[in-house]
Amino acid sequence: ISDPGFVQELPRNSWGGAAQALTALRAPRWFEHYGKGEDLRHLMTRWVEAILASPVFAQQINPWTGEFIGPDGYSPAMLVFVSFVDRLGILKRPTDRERPRGDRPAGEPPSPAKAARP
């Protein structure tokens, strides 16, 4: 950042400074591998805050302002949000007692009694 050659004014589609959603999506693997859990938590929290403040799911985020750059609908940004919210434990998952009748966790087969009904 103190390097006089560092460009702080990012063009709209810069790969030389803006944080990429796809890179953020892959980051947890390496943060965890190198024992950087606190840094990962900080990174995930900042991404979730930025996504919540944005009206779009764009490809990249300006690291100075936290504003997203680019058009809406970039699926890795959506995946970053879903993954990081889950990893941070922001949304509580229902327990068996809280789950409405008839609902079952994904991948759980129906009970034999329910499966036999027409």
Protein backbone atom coordinates (compact mmCIF):
# COMPACT_ATOMS: atom_id res chain seq x y z
CA ILE A 1 0.00 0.00 0.00
CA SER A 2 2.90 2.38 0.67
CA ASP A 3 4.47 1.47 -2.69
CA PRO A 4 4.19 4.56 -4.94
CA GLY A 5 3.41 2.23 -7.87
CA PHE A 6 0.33 0.82 -6.13
CA VAL A 7 -2.86 2.03 -7.85
CA GLN A 8 -5.57 2.74 -5.29
CA GLU A 9 -8.08 4.05 -7.84
CA LEU A 10 -9.47 0.79 -9.19
CA PRO A 11 -10.93 0.63 -12.70
CA ARG A 12 -14.38 -0.99 -12.99
CA ASN A 13 -13.07 -4.46 -13.89
CA SER A 14 -9.67 -4.67 -12.23
CA TRP A 15 -7.98 -7.94 -11.39
CA GLY A 16 -5.16 -6.03 -9.70
CA GLY A 17 -6.74 -4.90 -6.48
CA ALA A 18 -10.40 -5.66 -6.07
CA ALA A 19 -11.28 -8.68 -3.94
CA GLN A 20 -12.84 -11.44 -6.02
CA ALA A 21 -15.86 -13.41 -4.78
CA LEU A 22 -14.52 -16.64 -6.28
CA THR A 23 -11.24 -16.21 -4.37
CA ALA A 24 -13.18 -15.55 -1.16
CA LEU A 25 -15.19 -18.72 -1.75
CA ARG A 26 -11.98 -20.76 -1.96
CA ALA A 27 -10.18 -18.97 0.89
CA PRO A 28 -11.54 -20.99 3.85
CA ARG A 29 -9.73 -24.13 2.72
CA TRP A 30 -6.35 -22.44 2.97
CA PHE A 31 -7.06 -20.28 6.01
CA GLU A 32 -8.03 -23.44 7.89
CA HIS A 33 -5.08 -25.42 6.49
CA TYR A 34 -2.62 -22.82 7.77
CA GLY A 35 -4.37 -22.36 11.14
CA LYS A 36 -5.69 -18.87 10.45
CA GLY A 37 -9.18 -19.34 11.92
CA GLU A 38 -9.47 -15.85 13.45
CA ASP A 39 -8.40 -14.21 10.20
CA LEU A 40 -10.91 -16.36 8.32
CA ARG A 41 -13.69 -15.33 10.69
CA HIS A 42 -12.81 -11.66 10.09
CA LEU A 43 -12.74 -12.14 6.31
CA MET A 44 -16.10 -13.95 6.30
CA THR A 45 -17.71 -11.34 8.56
CA ARG A 46 -16.57 -8.49 6.29
CA TRP A 47 -17.86 -10.26 3.16
CA VAL A 48 -21.25 -10.94 4.76
CA GLU A 49 -21.51 -7.30 5.91
CA ALA A 50 -20.64 -6.06 2.41
CA ILE A 51 -23.10 -8.38 0.70
CA LEU A 52 -25.90 -7.37 3.08
CA ALA A 53 -25.18 -3.70 2.32
CA SER A 54 -25.24 -4.28 -1.45
CA PRO A 55 -28.27 -4.52 -3.72
CA VAL A 56 -26.41 -6.94 -6.04
CA PHE A 57 -24.30 -10.11 -6.04
CA ALA A 58 -21.37 -8.85 -8.12
CA GLN A 59 -18.02 -10.39 -9.07
CA GLN A 60 -15.70 -8.18 -7.07
CA ILE A 61 -15.59 -5.77 -4.17
CA ASN A 62 -13.53 -2.63 -3.77
CA PRO A 63 -11.24 -3.34 -0.78
CA TRP A 64 -11.17 0.34 0.22
CA THR A 65 -14.90 1.08 0.18
CA GLY A 66 -16.58 -2.32 0.51
CA GLU A 67 -18.72 -1.54 -2.55
CA PHE A 68 -19.41 -4.21 -5.14
CA ILE A 69 -18.31 -3.66 -8.72
CA GLY A 70 -20.09 -5.14 -11.70
CA PRO A 71 -23.53 -6.40 -12.67
CA ASP A 72 -25.87 -8.45 -10.50
CA GLY A 73 -26.22 -12.21 -10.62
CA TYR A 74 -22.66 -13.47 -10.08
CA SER A 75 -23.27 -16.89 -8.55
CA PRO A 76 -19.94 -17.22 -6.65
CA ALA A 77 -20.92 -14.10 -4.66
CA MET A 78 -24.21 -15.78 -3.79
CA LEU A 79 -22.32 -18.90 -2.74
CA VAL A 80 -19.93 -16.80 -0.63
CA PHE A 81 -22.92 -15.40 1.24
CA VAL A 82 -24.59 -18.78 1.83
CA SER A 83 -21.32 -20.49 2.79
CA PHE A 84 -20.09 -17.74 5.11
CA VAL A 85 -23.46 -17.30 6.85
CA ASP A 86 -23.45 -21.04 7.49
CA ARG A 87 -19.81 -21.15 8.66
CA LEU A 88 -20.34 -18.17 10.98
CA GLY A 89 -23.45 -19.78 12.45
CA ILE A 90 -25.54 -16.68 11.79
CA LEU A 91 -28.72 -18.65 11.04
CA LYS A 92 -29.80 -21.26 13.52
CA ARG A 93 -30.72 -24.61 12.02
CA PRO A 94 -33.92 -26.18 13.33
CA THR A 95 -33.55 -29.16 15.61
CA ASP A 96 -35.81 -32.20 15.36
CA ARG A 97 -38.12 -30.68 17.99
CA GLU A 98 -38.35 -27.36 16.14
CA ARG A 99 -38.89 -28.94 12.72
CA PRO A 100 -42.54 -28.81 11.60
CA ARG A 101 -44.35 -32.15 11.35
CA GLY A 102 -43.73 -33.95 8.09
CA ASP A 103 -40.47 -32.13 7.38
CA ARG A 104 -37.28 -34.12 7.41
CA PRO A 105 -33.65 -33.18 6.89
CA ALA A 106 -32.37 -33.26 3.33
CA GLY A 107 -31.25 -36.73 2.36
CA GLU A 108 -33.22 -38.48 5.10
CA PRO A 109 -35.51 -41.16 3.64
CA PRO A 110 -39.18 -41.14 4.62
CA SER A 111 -40.17 -43.47 7.42
CA PRO A 112 -41.60 -46.84 6.26
CA ALA A 113 -45.07 -45.94 7.59
CA LYS A 114 -45.16 -42.72 5.53
CA ALA A 115 -43.72 -44.41 2.44
CA ALA A 116 -46.42 -47.11 2.50
CA ARG A 117 -49.29 -44.59 2.41
CA PRO A 118 -50.91 -44.00 -0.99
